[in-house]
Amino acid sequence: MAAAEQVKASHILIKHQGSRRKASWKDPDGQVISATTRDAAVSQLLSLREDIVSGKARFQDVAARYSDCSSAKRGGDLGRFGRGQMQKPFEEATFALQVGQISDIVDTDSGVHIILRTG
């Protein structure tokens, strides 16, 4: 696959009671996730996004601390991926971003995300 058909991105995922899997690396039993509404997850993610955009926090540090994805251990880094490898809303949002740009809230079956396109 040509590099032009791929993107590189990092993300922060907040799972909620509507997420397809209720467990994560930091909540293995899914107790917190099962009690979190989508609205609460969005609110938390918007607050975290504001801290990043305003320069109060680095994306990688926020991802490492708050993301429910195991990519948190890499500062949210998902590496390179092409079309058809991620859930459609995630893919579309990532490909629409410019390098260095952070998405608004993106809903998938996994939960709510903000995405940073890194390449």
PDB file of N, CA and C in Angstrom:
ATOM      1  N   MET A   1       0.847  -1.176   0.000  1.00  0.00           N
ATOM      2  CA  MET A   1       0.000   0.000   0.000  1.00  0.00           C
ATOM      3  C   MET A   1       0.892   1.238   0.000  1.00  0.00           C
ATOM      4  N   ALA A   2       0.623   2.175  -0.866  1.00  0.00           N
ATOM      5  CA  ALA A   2       1.422   3.390  -0.959  1.00  0.00           C
ATOM      6  C   ALA A   2       1.233   4.258   0.271  1.00  0.00           C
ATOM      7  N   ALA A   3       2.276   4.983   0.621  1.00  0.00           N
ATOM      8  CA  ALA A   3       2.231   5.840   1.811  1.00  0.00           C
ATOM      9  C   ALA A   3       1.120   6.878   1.708  1.00  0.00           C
ATOM     10  N   ALA A   4       0.819   7.327   0.507  1.00  0.00           N
ATOM     11  CA  ALA A   4      -0.218   8.341   0.323  1.00  0.00           C
ATOM     12  C   ALA A   4      -1.600   7.819   0.717  1.00  0.00           C
ATOM     13  N   GLU A   5      -1.762   6.522   0.724  1.00  0.00           N
ATOM     14  CA  GLU A   5      -3.043   5.930   1.085  1.00  0.00           C
ATOM     15  C   GLU A   5      -3.123   5.607   2.570  1.00  0.00           C
ATOM     16  N   GLN A   6      -2.105   6.012   3.305  1.00  0.00           N
ATOM     17  CA  GLN A   6      -2.081   5.741   4.738  1.00  0.00           C
ATOM     18  C   GLN A   6      -1.968   7.037   5.527  1.00  0.00           C
ATOM     19  N   VAL A   7      -2.415   6.964   6.764  1.00  0.00           N
ATOM     20  CA  VAL A   7      -2.261   8.072   7.700  1.00  0.00           C
ATOM     21  C   VAL A   7      -1.596   7.517   8.955  1.00  0.00           C
ATOM     22  N   LYS A   8      -1.067   8.403   9.746  1.00  0.00           N
ATOM     23  CA  LYS A   8      -0.529   8.030  11.053  1.00  0.00           C
ATOM     24  C   LYS A   8      -1.257   8.894  12.064  1.00  0.00           C
ATOM     25  N   ALA A   9      -1.701   8.281  13.139  1.00  0.00           N
ATOM     26  CA  ALA A   9      -2.505   9.031  14.101  1.00  0.00           C
ATOM     27  C   ALA A   9      -2.330   8.502  15.513  1.00  0.00           C
ATOM     28  N   SER A  10      -2.664   9.377  16.449  1.00  0.00           N
ATOM     29  CA  SER A  10      -2.784   9.028  17.855  1.00  0.00           C
ATOM     30  C   SER A  10      -4.206   9.365  18.268  1.00  0.00           C
ATOM     31  N   HIS A  11      -4.694   8.753  19.323  1.00  0.00           N
ATOM     32  CA  HIS A  11      -6.047   9.081  19.774  1.00  0.00           C
ATOM     33  C   HIS A  11      -6.167   8.912  21.274  1.00  0.00           C
ATOM     34  N   ILE A  12      -7.242   9.494  21.768  1.00  0.00           N
ATOM     35  CA  ILE A  12      -7.653   9.300  23.155  1.00  0.00           C
ATOM     36  C   ILE A  12      -9.069   8.744  23.081  1.00  0.00           C
ATOM     37  N   LEU A  13      -9.277   7.602  23.683  1.00  0.00           N
ATOM     38  CA  LEU A  13     -10.577   6.935  23.701  1.00  0.00           C
ATOM     39  C   LEU A  13     -11.134   6.962  25.115  1.00  0.00           C
ATOM     40  N   ILE A  14     -12.375   7.402  25.230  1.00  0.00           N
ATOM     41  CA  ILE A  14     -13.097   7.283  26.496  1.00  0.00           C
ATOM     42  C   ILE A  14     -14.282   6.359  26.227  1.00  0.00           C
ATOM     43  N   LYS A  15     -14.283   5.220  26.886  1.00  0.00           N
ATOM     44  CA  LYS A  15     -15.393   4.274  26.744  1.00  0.00           C
ATOM     45  C   LYS A  15     -16.532   4.697  27.657  1.00  0.00           C
ATOM     46  N   HIS A  16     -17.728   4.232  27.322  1.00  0.00           N
ATOM     47  CA  HIS A  16     -18.917   4.542  28.124  1.00  0.00           C
ATOM     48  C   HIS A  16     -19.859   3.351  28.086  1.00  0.00           C
ATOM     49  N   GLN A  17     -20.981   3.469  28.777  1.00  0.00           N
ATOM     50  CA  GLN A  17     -21.883   2.324  28.911  1.00  0.00           C
ATOM     51  C   GLN A  17     -22.432   1.831  27.577  1.00  0.00           C
ATOM     52  N   GLY A  18     -22.364   2.622  26.525  1.00  0.00           N
ATOM     53  CA  GLY A  18     -22.810   2.190  25.203  1.00  0.00           C
ATOM     54  C   GLY A  18     -21.704   1.578  24.360  1.00  0.00           C
ATOM     55  N   SER A  19     -20.496   1.511  24.881  1.00  0.00           N
ATOM     56  CA  SER A  19     -19.363   0.960  24.131  1.00  0.00           C
ATOM     57  C   SER A  19     -19.520  -0.540  23.956  1.00  0.00           C
ATOM     58  N   ARG A  20     -18.998  -1.063  22.856  1.00  0.00           N
ATOM     59  CA  ARG A  20     -19.179  -2.495  22.568  1.00  0.00           C
ATOM     60  C   ARG A  20     -18.437  -3.388  23.557  1.00  0.00           C
ATOM     61  N   ARG A  21     -17.315  -2.919  24.081  1.00  0.00           N
ATOM     62  CA  ARG A  21     -16.605  -3.669  25.128  1.00  0.00           C
ATOM     63  C   ARG A  21     -16.508  -2.784  26.354  1.00  0.00           C
ATOM     64  N   LYS A  22     -16.864  -3.329  27.504  1.00  0.00           N
ATOM     65  CA  LYS A  22     -16.923  -2.529  28.726  1.00  0.00           C
ATOM     66  C   LYS A  22     -15.643  -2.598  29.556  1.00  0.00           C
ATOM     67  N   ALA A  23     -14.610  -3.237  29.040  1.00  0.00           N
ATOM     68  CA  ALA A  23     -13.363  -3.335  29.802  1.00  0.00           C
ATOM     69  C   ALA A  23     -12.256  -2.591  29.070  1.00  0.00           C
ATOM     70  N   SER A  24     -11.274  -2.144  29.814  1.00  0.00           N
ATOM     71  CA  SER A  24     -10.097  -1.536  29.219  1.00  0.00           C
ATOM     72  C   SER A  24      -8.893  -1.871  30.081  1.00  0.00           C
ATOM     73  N   TRP A  25      -7.725  -1.486  29.611  1.00  0.00           N
ATOM     74  CA  TRP A  25      -6.494  -1.779  30.355  1.00  0.00           C
ATOM     75  C   TRP A  25      -6.525  -1.148  31.739  1.00  0.00           C
ATOM     76  N   LYS A  26      -7.200  -0.011  31.881  1.00  0.00           N
ATOM     77  CA  LYS A  26      -7.214   0.649  33.193  1.00  0.00           C
ATOM     78  C   LYS A  26      -8.481   0.350  33.990  1.00  0.00           C
ATOM     79  N   ASP A  27      -9.439  -0.297  33.380  1.00  0.00           N
ATOM     80  CA  ASP A  27     -10.696  -0.673  34.039  1.00  0.00           C
ATOM     81  C   ASP A  27     -11.047  -2.094  33.602  1.00  0.00           C
ATOM     82  N   PRO A  28     -10.228  -3.084  34.021  1.00  0.00           N
ATOM     83  CA  PRO A  28     -10.386  -4.453  33.505  1.00  0.00           C
ATOM     84  C   PRO A  28     -11.749  -5.084  33.759  1.00  0.00           C
ATOM     85  N   ASP A  29     -12.418  -4.685  34.831  1.00  0.00           N
ATOM     86  CA  ASP A  29     -13.738  -5.244  35.121  1.00  0.00           C
ATOM     87  C   ASP A  29     -14.864  -4.405  34.522  1.00  0.00           C
ATOM     88  N   GLY A  30     -14.520  -3.255  33.940  1.00  0.00           N
ATOM     89  CA  GLY A  30     -15.517  -2.405  33.299  1.00  0.00           C
ATOM     90  C   GLY A  30     -16.470  -1.707  34.253  1.00  0.00           C
ATOM     91  N   GLN A  31     -16.103  -1.614  35.520  1.00  0.00           N
ATOM     92  CA  GLN A  31     -17.017  -0.996  36.493  1.00  0.00           C
ATOM     93  C   GLN A  31     -17.208   0.495  36.238  1.00  0.00           C
ATOM     94  N   VAL A  32     -16.117   1.211  36.007  1.00  0.00           N
ATOM     95  CA  VAL A  32     -16.204   2.651  35.734  1.00  0.00           C
ATOM     96  C   VAL A  32     -16.887   2.884  34.394  1.00  0.00           C
ATOM     97  N   ILE A  33     -16.474   2.121  33.391  1.00  0.00           N
ATOM     98  CA  ILE A  33     -17.033   2.285  32.043  1.00  0.00           C
ATOM     99  C   ILE A  33     -18.542   2.029  32.055  1.00  0.00           C
ATOM    100  N   SER A  34     -18.983   0.988  32.734  1.00  0.00           N
ATOM    101  CA  SER A  34     -20.411   0.656  32.769  1.00  0.00           C
ATOM    102  C   SER A  34     -21.242   1.737  33.447  1.00  0.00           C
ATOM    103  N   ALA A  35     -20.610   2.546  34.288  1.00  0.00           N
ATOM    104  CA  ALA A  35     -21.323   3.615  35.003  1.00  0.00           C
ATOM    105  C   ALA A  35     -21.174   4.981  34.318  1.00  0.00           C
ATOM    106  N   THR A  36     -20.421   5.027  33.218  1.00  0.00           N
ATOM    107  CA  THR A  36     -20.165   6.293  32.528  1.00  0.00           C
ATOM    108  C   THR A  36     -21.139   6.469  31.374  1.00  0.00           C
ATOM    109  N   THR A  37     -21.875   7.571  31.387  1.00  0.00           N
ATOM    110  CA  THR A  37     -22.780   7.862  30.274  1.00  0.00           C
ATOM    111  C   THR A  37     -21.979   8.410  29.100  1.00  0.00           C
ATOM    112  N   ARG A  38     -22.560   8.360  27.918  1.00  0.00           N
ATOM    113  CA  ARG A  38     -21.899   8.944  26.752  1.00  0.00           C
ATOM    114  C   ARG A  38     -21.668  10.430  26.983  1.00  0.00           C
ATOM    115  N   ASP A  39     -22.669  11.130  27.532  1.00  0.00           N
ATOM    116  CA  ASP A  39     -22.525  12.566  27.783  1.00  0.00           C
ATOM    117  C   ASP A  39     -21.365  12.864  28.722  1.00  0.00           C
ATOM    118  N   ALA A  40     -21.193  12.048  29.754  1.00  0.00           N
ATOM    119  CA  ALA A  40     -20.079  12.241  30.683  1.00  0.00           C
ATOM    120  C   ALA A  40     -18.748  11.988  29.988  1.00  0.00           C
ATOM    121  N   ALA A  41     -18.698  10.982  29.133  1.00  0.00           N
ATOM    122  CA  ALA A  41     -17.474  10.680  28.383  1.00  0.00           C
ATOM    123  C   ALA A  41     -17.126  11.829  27.447  1.00  0.00           C
ATOM    124  N   VAL A  42     -18.131  12.367  26.750  1.00  0.00           N
ATOM    125  CA  VAL A  42     -17.919  13.502  25.842  1.00  0.00           C
ATOM    126  C   VAL A  42     -17.440  14.712  26.622  1.00  0.00           C
ATOM    127  N   SER A  43     -18.061  14.978  27.759  1.00  0.00           N
ATOM    128  CA  SER A  43     -17.685  16.120  28.585  1.00  0.00           C
ATOM    129  C   SER A  43     -16.226  16.011  29.036  1.00  0.00           C
ATOM    130  N   GLN A  44     -15.828  14.827  29.477  1.00  0.00           N
ATOM    131  CA  GLN A  44     -14.442  14.618  29.897  1.00  0.00           C
ATOM    132  C   GLN A  44     -13.492  14.828  28.723  1.00  0.00           C
ATOM    133  N   LEU A  45     -13.846  14.283  27.573  1.00  0.00           N
ATOM    134  CA  LEU A  45     -12.987  14.380  26.399  1.00  0.00           C
ATOM    135  C   LEU A  45     -12.868  15.824  25.917  1.00  0.00           C
ATOM    136  N   LEU A  46     -13.957  16.576  25.958  1.00  0.00           N
ATOM    137  CA  LEU A  46     -13.904  17.991  25.564  1.00  0.00           C
ATOM    138  C   LEU A  46     -12.995  18.785  26.492  1.00  0.00           C
ATOM    139  N   SER A  47     -13.041  18.482  27.770  1.00  0.00           N
ATOM    140  CA  SER A  47     -12.173  19.146  28.741  1.00  0.00           C
ATOM    141  C   SER A  47     -10.707  18.804  28.475  1.00  0.00           C
ATOM    142  N   LEU A  48     -10.430  17.542  28.218  1.00  0.00           N
ATOM    143  CA  LEU A  48      -9.068  17.117  27.908  1.00  0.00           C
ATOM    144  C   LEU A  48      -8.582  17.767  26.611  1.00  0.00           C
ATOM    145  N   ARG A  49      -9.456  17.841  25.610  1.00  0.00           N
ATOM    146  CA  ARG A  49      -9.102  18.461  24.325  1.00  0.00           C
ATOM    147  C   ARG A  49      -8.741  19.927  24.530  1.00  0.00           C
ATOM    148  N   GLU A  50      -9.523  20.623  25.356  1.00  0.00           N
ATOM    149  CA  GLU A  50      -9.253  22.032  25.630  1.00  0.00           C
ATOM    150  C   GLU A  50      -7.884  22.209  26.288  1.00  0.00           C
ATOM    151  N   ASP A  51      -7.535  21.330  27.222  1.00  0.00           N
ATOM    152  CA  ASP A  51      -6.223  21.397  27.866  1.00  0.00           C
ATOM    153  C   ASP A  51      -5.095  21.222  26.846  1.00  0.00           C
ATOM    154  N   ILE A  52      -5.309  20.348  25.875  1.00  0.00           N
ATOM    155  CA  ILE A  52      -4.294  20.101  24.840  1.00  0.00           C
ATOM    156  C   ILE A  52      -4.196  21.298  23.902  1.00  0.00           C
ATOM    157  N   VAL A  53      -5.330  21.752  23.393  1.00  0.00           N
ATOM    158  CA  VAL A  53      -5.358  22.857  22.424  1.00  0.00           C
ATOM    159  C   VAL A  53      -4.814  24.147  23.042  1.00  0.00           C
ATOM    160  N   SER A  54      -5.088  24.371  24.319  1.00  0.00           N
ATOM    161  CA  SER A  54      -4.635  25.591  24.993  1.00  0.00           C
ATOM    162  C   SER A  54      -3.164  25.533  25.402  1.00  0.00           C
ATOM    163  N   GLY A  55      -2.549  24.351  25.270  1.00  0.00           N
ATOM    164  CA  GLY A  55      -1.146  24.204  25.620  1.00  0.00           C
ATOM    165  C   GLY A  55      -0.899  23.829  27.075  1.00  0.00           C
ATOM    166  N   LYS A  56      -1.965  23.590  27.834  1.00  0.00           N
ATOM    167  CA  LYS A  56      -1.797  23.196  29.248  1.00  0.00           C
ATOM    168  C   LYS A  56      -1.267  21.773  29.388  1.00  0.00           C
ATOM    169  N   ALA A  57      -1.508  20.954  28.377  1.00  0.00           N
ATOM    170  CA  ALA A  57      -1.105  19.547  28.442  1.00  0.00           C
ATOM    171  C   ALA A  57      -0.695  19.063  27.051  1.00  0.00           C
ATOM    172  N   ARG A  58       0.172  18.055  27.043  1.00  0.00           N
ATOM    173  CA  ARG A  58       0.578  17.440  25.775  1.00  0.00           C
ATOM    174  C   ARG A  58      -0.349  16.268  25.465  1.00  0.00           C
ATOM    175  N   PHE A  59      -0.680  16.113  24.192  1.00  0.00           N
ATOM    176  CA  PHE A  59      -1.578  15.051  23.755  1.00  0.00           C
ATOM    177  C   PHE A  59      -1.111  13.697  24.288  1.00  0.00           C
ATOM    178  N   GLN A  60       0.183  13.402  24.118  1.00  0.00           N
ATOM    179  CA  GLN A  60       0.724  12.101  24.508  1.00  0.00           C
ATOM    180  C   GLN A  60       0.551  11.846  26.005  1.00  0.00           C
ATOM    181  N   ASP A  61       0.761  12.881  26.799  1.00  0.00           N
ATOM    182  CA  ASP A  61       0.629  12.725  28.251  1.00  0.00           C
ATOM    183  C   ASP A  61      -0.820  12.476  28.658  1.00  0.00           C
ATOM    184  N   VAL A  62      -1.737  13.203  28.024  1.00  0.00           N
ATOM    185  CA  VAL A  62      -3.163  13.031  28.322  1.00  0.00           C
ATOM    186  C   VAL A  62      -3.615  11.634  27.904  1.00  0.00           C
ATOM    187  N   ALA A  63      -3.180  11.207  26.720  1.00  0.00           N
ATOM    188  CA  ALA A  63      -3.541   9.866  26.245  1.00  0.00           C
ATOM    189  C   ALA A  63      -3.027   8.795  27.212  1.00  0.00           C
ATOM    190  N   ALA A  64      -1.786   8.933  27.642  1.00  0.00           N
ATOM    191  CA  ALA A  64      -1.183   7.940  28.535  1.00  0.00           C
ATOM    192  C   ALA A  64      -1.950   7.834  29.850  1.00  0.00           C
ATOM    193  N   ARG A  65      -2.508   8.946  30.299  1.00  0.00           N
ATOM    194  CA  ARG A  65      -3.190   8.948  31.590  1.00  0.00           C
ATOM    195  C   ARG A  65      -4.675   8.594  31.494  1.00  0.00           C
ATOM    196  N   TYR A  66      -5.349   9.054  30.444  1.00  0.00           N
ATOM    197  CA  TYR A  66      -6.813   8.962  30.415  1.00  0.00           C
ATOM    198  C   TYR A  66      -7.410   8.003  29.392  1.00  0.00           C
ATOM    199  N   SER A  67      -6.687   7.671  28.332  1.00  0.00           N
ATOM    200  CA  SER A  67      -7.293   6.866  27.270  1.00  0.00           C
ATOM    201  C   SER A  67      -7.607   5.444  27.734  1.00  0.00           C
ATOM    202  N   ASP A  68      -8.754   4.938  27.297  1.00  0.00           N
ATOM    203  CA  ASP A  68      -9.152   3.565  27.595  1.00  0.00           C
ATOM    204  C   ASP A  68      -8.577   2.564  26.594  1.00  0.00           C
ATOM    205  N   CYS A  69      -7.857   3.051  25.593  1.00  0.00           N
ATOM    206  CA  CYS A  69      -7.245   2.159  24.607  1.00  0.00           C
ATOM    207  C   CYS A  69      -5.861   1.737  25.093  1.00  0.00           C
ATOM    208  N   SER A  70      -5.452   0.525  24.779  1.00  0.00           N
ATOM    209  CA  SER A  70      -4.116   0.063  25.173  1.00  0.00           C
ATOM    210  C   SER A  70      -3.021   0.877  24.499  1.00  0.00           C
ATOM    211  N   SER A  71      -3.358   1.636  23.447  1.00  0.00           N
ATOM    212  CA  SER A  71      -2.377   2.523  22.816  1.00  0.00           C
ATOM    213  C   SER A  71      -1.938   3.629  23.775  1.00  0.00           C
ATOM    214  N   ALA A  72      -2.635   3.780  24.892  1.00  0.00           N
ATOM    215  CA  ALA A  72      -2.252   4.766  25.916  1.00  0.00           C
ATOM    216  C   ALA A  72      -0.802   4.549  26.341  1.00  0.00           C
ATOM    217  N   LYS A  73      -0.372   3.297  26.349  1.00  0.00           N
ATOM    218  CA  LYS A  73       1.003   2.985  26.760  1.00  0.00           C
ATOM    219  C   LYS A  73       2.021   3.564  25.791  1.00  0.00           C
ATOM    220  N   ARG A  74       1.562   3.957  24.590  1.00  0.00           N
ATOM    221  CA  ARG A  74       2.421   4.588  23.578  1.00  0.00           C
ATOM    222  C   ARG A  74       1.998   6.043  23.357  1.00  0.00           C
ATOM    223  N   GLY A  75       1.372   6.639  24.344  1.00  0.00           N
ATOM    224  CA  GLY A  75       0.911   8.021  24.209  1.00  0.00           C
ATOM    225  C   GLY A  75      -0.228   8.166  23.214  1.00  0.00           C
ATOM    226  N   GLY A  76      -0.957   7.072  23.005  1.00  0.00           N
ATOM    227  CA  GLY A  76      -2.091   7.082  22.082  1.00  0.00           C
ATOM    228  C   GLY A  76      -1.737   6.744  20.647  1.00  0.00           C
ATOM    229  N   ASP A  77      -0.459   6.483  20.378  1.00  0.00           N
ATOM    230  CA  ASP A  77       0.012   6.248  19.009  1.00  0.00           C
ATOM    231  C   ASP A  77      -0.554   4.948  18.441  1.00  0.00           C
ATOM    232  N   LEU A  78      -1.242   5.077  17.308  1.00  0.00           N
ATOM    233  CA  LEU A  78      -1.797   3.915  16.615  1.00  0.00           C
ATOM    234  C   LEU A  78      -0.933   3.479  15.447  1.00  0.00           C
ATOM    235  N   GLY A  79       0.090   4.266  15.140  1.00  0.00           N
ATOM    236  CA  GLY A  79       0.929   3.952  13.989  1.00  0.00           C
ATOM    237  C   GLY A  79       0.220   4.303  12.690  1.00  0.00           C
ATOM    238  N   ARG A  80       0.686   3.701  11.611  1.00  0.00           N
ATOM    239  CA  ARG A  80       0.110   3.961  10.279  1.00  0.00           C
ATOM    240  C   ARG A  80      -1.018   2.979   9.993  1.00  0.00           C
ATOM    241  N   PHE A  81      -2.022   3.470   9.283  1.00  0.00           N
ATOM    242  CA  PHE A  81      -3.095   2.585   8.836  1.00  0.00           C
ATOM    243  C   PHE A  81      -3.697   3.147   7.558  1.00  0.00           C
ATOM    244  N   GLY A  82      -4.312   2.250   6.810  1.00  0.00           N
ATOM    245  CA  GLY A  82      -4.950   2.628   5.556  1.00  0.00           C
ATOM    246  C   GLY A  82      -6.453   2.528   5.666  1.00  0.00           C
ATOM    247  N   ARG A  83      -7.093   2.797   4.558  1.00  0.00           N
ATOM    248  CA  ARG A  83      -8.554   2.717   4.527  1.00  0.00           C
ATOM    249  C   ARG A  83      -9.000   1.276   4.749  1.00  0.00           C
ATOM    250  N   GLY A  84     -10.109   1.131   5.480  1.00  0.00           N
ATOM    251  CA  GLY A  84     -10.674  -0.188   5.734  1.00  0.00           C
ATOM    252  C   GLY A  84     -10.077  -0.893   6.940  1.00  0.00           C
ATOM    253  N   GLN A  85      -9.154  -0.254   7.656  1.00  0.00           N
ATOM    254  CA  GLN A  85      -8.527  -0.905   8.802  1.00  0.00           C
ATOM    255  C   GLN A  85      -9.122  -0.467  10.138  1.00  0.00           C
ATOM    256  N   MET A  86      -9.827   0.654  10.141  1.00  0.00           N
ATOM    257  CA  MET A  86     -10.426   1.187  11.361  1.00  0.00           C
ATOM    258  C   MET A  86     -11.944   1.294  11.154  1.00  0.00           C
ATOM    259  N   GLN A  87     -12.666   1.521  12.241  1.00  0.00           N
ATOM    260  CA  GLN A  87     -14.100   1.747  12.110  1.00  0.00           C
ATOM    261  C   GLN A  87     -14.316   2.985  11.233  1.00  0.00           C
ATOM    262  N   LYS A  88     -15.348   2.937  10.412  1.00  0.00           N
ATOM    263  CA  LYS A  88     -15.574   3.957   9.387  1.00  0.00           C
ATOM    264  C   LYS A  88     -15.551   5.395   9.922  1.00  0.00           C
ATOM    265  N   PRO A  89     -16.259   5.734  11.002  1.00  0.00           N
ATOM    266  CA  PRO A  89     -16.230   7.124  11.476  1.00  0.00           C
ATOM    267  C   PRO A  89     -14.814   7.569  11.878  1.00  0.00           C
ATOM    268  N   PHE A  90     -14.048   6.655  12.464  1.00  0.00           N
ATOM    269  CA  PHE A  90     -12.677   6.950  12.880  1.00  0.00           C
ATOM    270  C   PHE A  90     -11.807   7.191  11.651  1.00  0.00           C
ATOM    271  N   GLU A  91     -11.933   6.305  10.683  1.00  0.00           N
ATOM    272  CA  GLU A  91     -11.167   6.423   9.443  1.00  0.00           C
ATOM    273  C   GLU A  91     -11.475   7.739   8.730  1.00  0.00           C
ATOM    274  N   GLU A  92     -12.757   8.028   8.557  1.00  0.00           N
ATOM    275  CA  GLU A  92     -13.146   9.242   7.841  1.00  0.00           C
ATOM    276  C   GLU A  92     -12.629  10.492   8.542  1.00  0.00           C
ATOM    277  N   ALA A  93     -12.730  10.533   9.858  1.00  0.00           N
ATOM    278  CA  ALA A  93     -12.260  11.697  10.612  1.00  0.00           C
ATOM    279  C   ALA A  93     -10.745  11.849  10.478  1.00  0.00           C
ATOM    280  N   THR A  94     -10.024  10.750  10.561  1.00  0.00           N
ATOM    281  CA  THR A  94      -8.560  10.815  10.501  1.00  0.00           C
ATOM    282  C   THR A  94      -8.081  11.273   9.129  1.00  0.00           C
ATOM    283  N   PHE A  95      -8.645  10.710   8.073  1.00  0.00           N
ATOM    284  CA  PHE A  95      -8.239  11.086   6.726  1.00  0.00           C
ATOM    285  C   PHE A  95      -8.616  12.533   6.402  1.00  0.00           C
ATOM    286  N   ALA A  96      -9.612  13.082   7.084  1.00  0.00           N
ATOM    287  CA  ALA A  96     -10.037  14.465   6.841  1.00  0.00           C
ATOM    288  C   ALA A  96      -9.142  15.493   7.537  1.00  0.00           C
ATOM    289  N   LEU A  97      -8.372  15.046   8.534  1.00  0.00           N
ATOM    290  CA  LEU A  97      -7.506  15.957   9.283  1.00  0.00           C
ATOM    291  C   LEU A  97      -6.225  16.270   8.515  1.00  0.00           C
ATOM    292  N   GLN A  98      -5.666  17.440   8.776  1.00  0.00           N
ATOM    293  CA  GLN A  98      -4.325  17.775   8.313  1.00  0.00           C
ATOM    294  C   GLN A  98      -3.346  17.281   9.382  1.00  0.00           C
ATOM    295  N   VAL A  99      -2.098  17.048   9.000  1.00  0.00           N
ATOM    296  CA  VAL A  99      -1.087  16.631   9.973  1.00  0.00           C
ATOM    297  C   VAL A  99      -0.977  17.714  11.051  1.00  0.00           C
ATOM    298  N   GLY A 100      -1.030  17.276  12.312  1.00  0.00           N
ATOM    299  CA  GLY A 100      -0.946  18.195  13.439  1.00  0.00           C
ATOM    300  C   GLY A 100      -2.294  18.677  13.942  1.00  0.00           C
ATOM    301  N   GLN A 101      -3.342  18.358  13.229  1.00  0.00           N
ATOM    302  CA  GLN A 101      -4.689  18.805  13.594  1.00  0.00           C
ATOM    303  C   GLN A 101      -5.357  17.781  14.514  1.00  0.00           C
ATOM    304  N   ILE A 102      -6.167  18.291  15.460  1.00  0.00           N
ATOM    305  CA  ILE A 102      -6.903  17.443  16.399  1.00  0.00           C
ATOM    306  C   ILE A 102      -8.383  17.485  16.038  1.00  0.00           C
ATOM    307  N   SER A 103      -9.000  16.329  16.003  1.00  0.00           N
ATOM    308  CA  SER A 103     -10.419  16.228  15.640  1.00  0.00           C
ATOM    309  C   SER A 103     -11.325  16.750  16.754  1.00  0.00           C
ATOM    310  N   ASP A 104     -12.569  16.967  16.371  1.00  0.00           N
ATOM    311  CA  ASP A 104     -13.628  17.134  17.361  1.00  0.00           C
ATOM    312  C   ASP A 104     -13.957  15.723  17.857  1.00  0.00           C
ATOM    313  N   ILE A 105     -15.020  15.590  18.621  1.00  0.00           N
ATOM    314  CA  ILE A 105     -15.438  14.285  19.136  1.00  0.00           C
ATOM    315  C   ILE A 105     -15.829  13.362  17.972  1.00  0.00           C
ATOM    316  N   VAL A 106     -15.316  12.151  17.997  1.00  0.00           N
ATOM    317  CA  VAL A 106     -15.645  11.139  16.991  1.00  0.00           C
ATOM    318  C   VAL A 106     -16.258   9.951  17.734  1.00  0.00           C
ATOM    319  N   ASP A 107     -17.484   9.594  17.337  1.00  0.00           N
ATOM    320  CA  ASP A 107     -18.193   8.454  17.931  1.00  0.00           C
ATOM    321  C   ASP A 107     -17.941   7.192  17.124  1.00  0.00           C
ATOM    322  N   THR A 108     -17.578   6.103  17.816  1.00  0.00           N
ATOM    323  CA  THR A 108     -17.514   4.783  17.186  1.00  0.00           C
ATOM    324  C   THR A 108     -18.160   3.781  18.137  1.00  0.00           C
ATOM    325  N   ASP A 109     -18.220   2.538  17.705  1.00  0.00           N
ATOM    326  CA  ASP A 109     -18.748   1.485  18.577  1.00  0.00           C
ATOM    327  C   ASP A 109     -17.872   1.289  19.813  1.00  0.00           C
ATOM    328  N   SER A 110     -16.633   1.732  19.752  1.00  0.00           N
ATOM    329  CA  SER A 110     -15.705   1.575  20.873  1.00  0.00           C
ATOM    330  C   SER A 110     -15.900   2.623  21.952  1.00  0.00           C
ATOM    331  N   GLY A 111     -16.434   3.778  21.582  1.00  0.00           N
ATOM    332  CA  GLY A 111     -16.608   4.876  22.519  1.00  0.00           C
ATOM    333  C   GLY A 111     -16.439   6.201  21.806  1.00  0.00           C
ATOM    334  N   VAL A 112     -15.992   7.216  22.546  1.00  0.00           N
ATOM    335  CA  VAL A 112     -15.761   8.523  21.940  1.00  0.00           C
ATOM    336  C   VAL A 112     -14.255   8.804  21.928  1.00  0.00           C
ATOM    337  N   HIS A 113     -13.811   9.469  20.862  1.00  0.00           N
ATOM    338  CA  HIS A 113     -12.396   9.694  20.652  1.00  0.00           C
ATOM    339  C   HIS A 113     -12.124  11.156  20.309  1.00  0.00           C
ATOM    340  N   ILE A 114     -10.885  11.583  20.533  1.00  0.00           N
ATOM    341  CA  ILE A 114     -10.316  12.700  19.800  1.00  0.00           C
ATOM    342  C   ILE A 114      -9.070  12.128  19.134  1.00  0.00           C
ATOM    343  N   ILE A 115      -8.813  12.602  17.939  1.00  0.00           N
ATOM    344  CA  ILE A 115      -7.753  12.045  17.112  1.00  0.00           C
ATOM    345  C   ILE A 115      -6.768  13.148  16.743  1.00  0.00           C
ATOM    346  N   LEU A 116      -5.505  12.836  16.839  1.00  0.00           N
ATOM    347  CA  LEU A 116      -4.427  13.724  16.401  1.00  0.00           C
ATOM    348  C   LEU A 116      -3.765  13.061  15.213  1.00  0.00           C
ATOM    349  N   ARG A 117      -3.834  13.709  14.057  1.00  0.00           N
ATOM    350  CA  ARG A 117      -3.145  13.150  12.884  1.00  0.00           C
ATOM    351  C   ARG A 117      -1.680  13.528  12.980  1.00  0.00           C
ATOM    352  N   THR A 118      -0.825  12.532  12.953  1.00  0.00           N
ATOM    353  CA  THR A 118       0.604  12.756  13.122  1.00  0.00           C
ATOM    354  C   THR A 118       1.403  12.499  11.851  1.00  0.00           C
ATOM    355  N   GLY A 119       0.766  11.981  10.828  1.00  0.00           N
ATOM    356  CA  GLY A 119       1.487  11.726   9.580  1.00  0.00           C
ATOM    357  C   GLY A 119       0.557  11.314   8.474  1.00  0.00           C
TER     358      GLY A 119
END
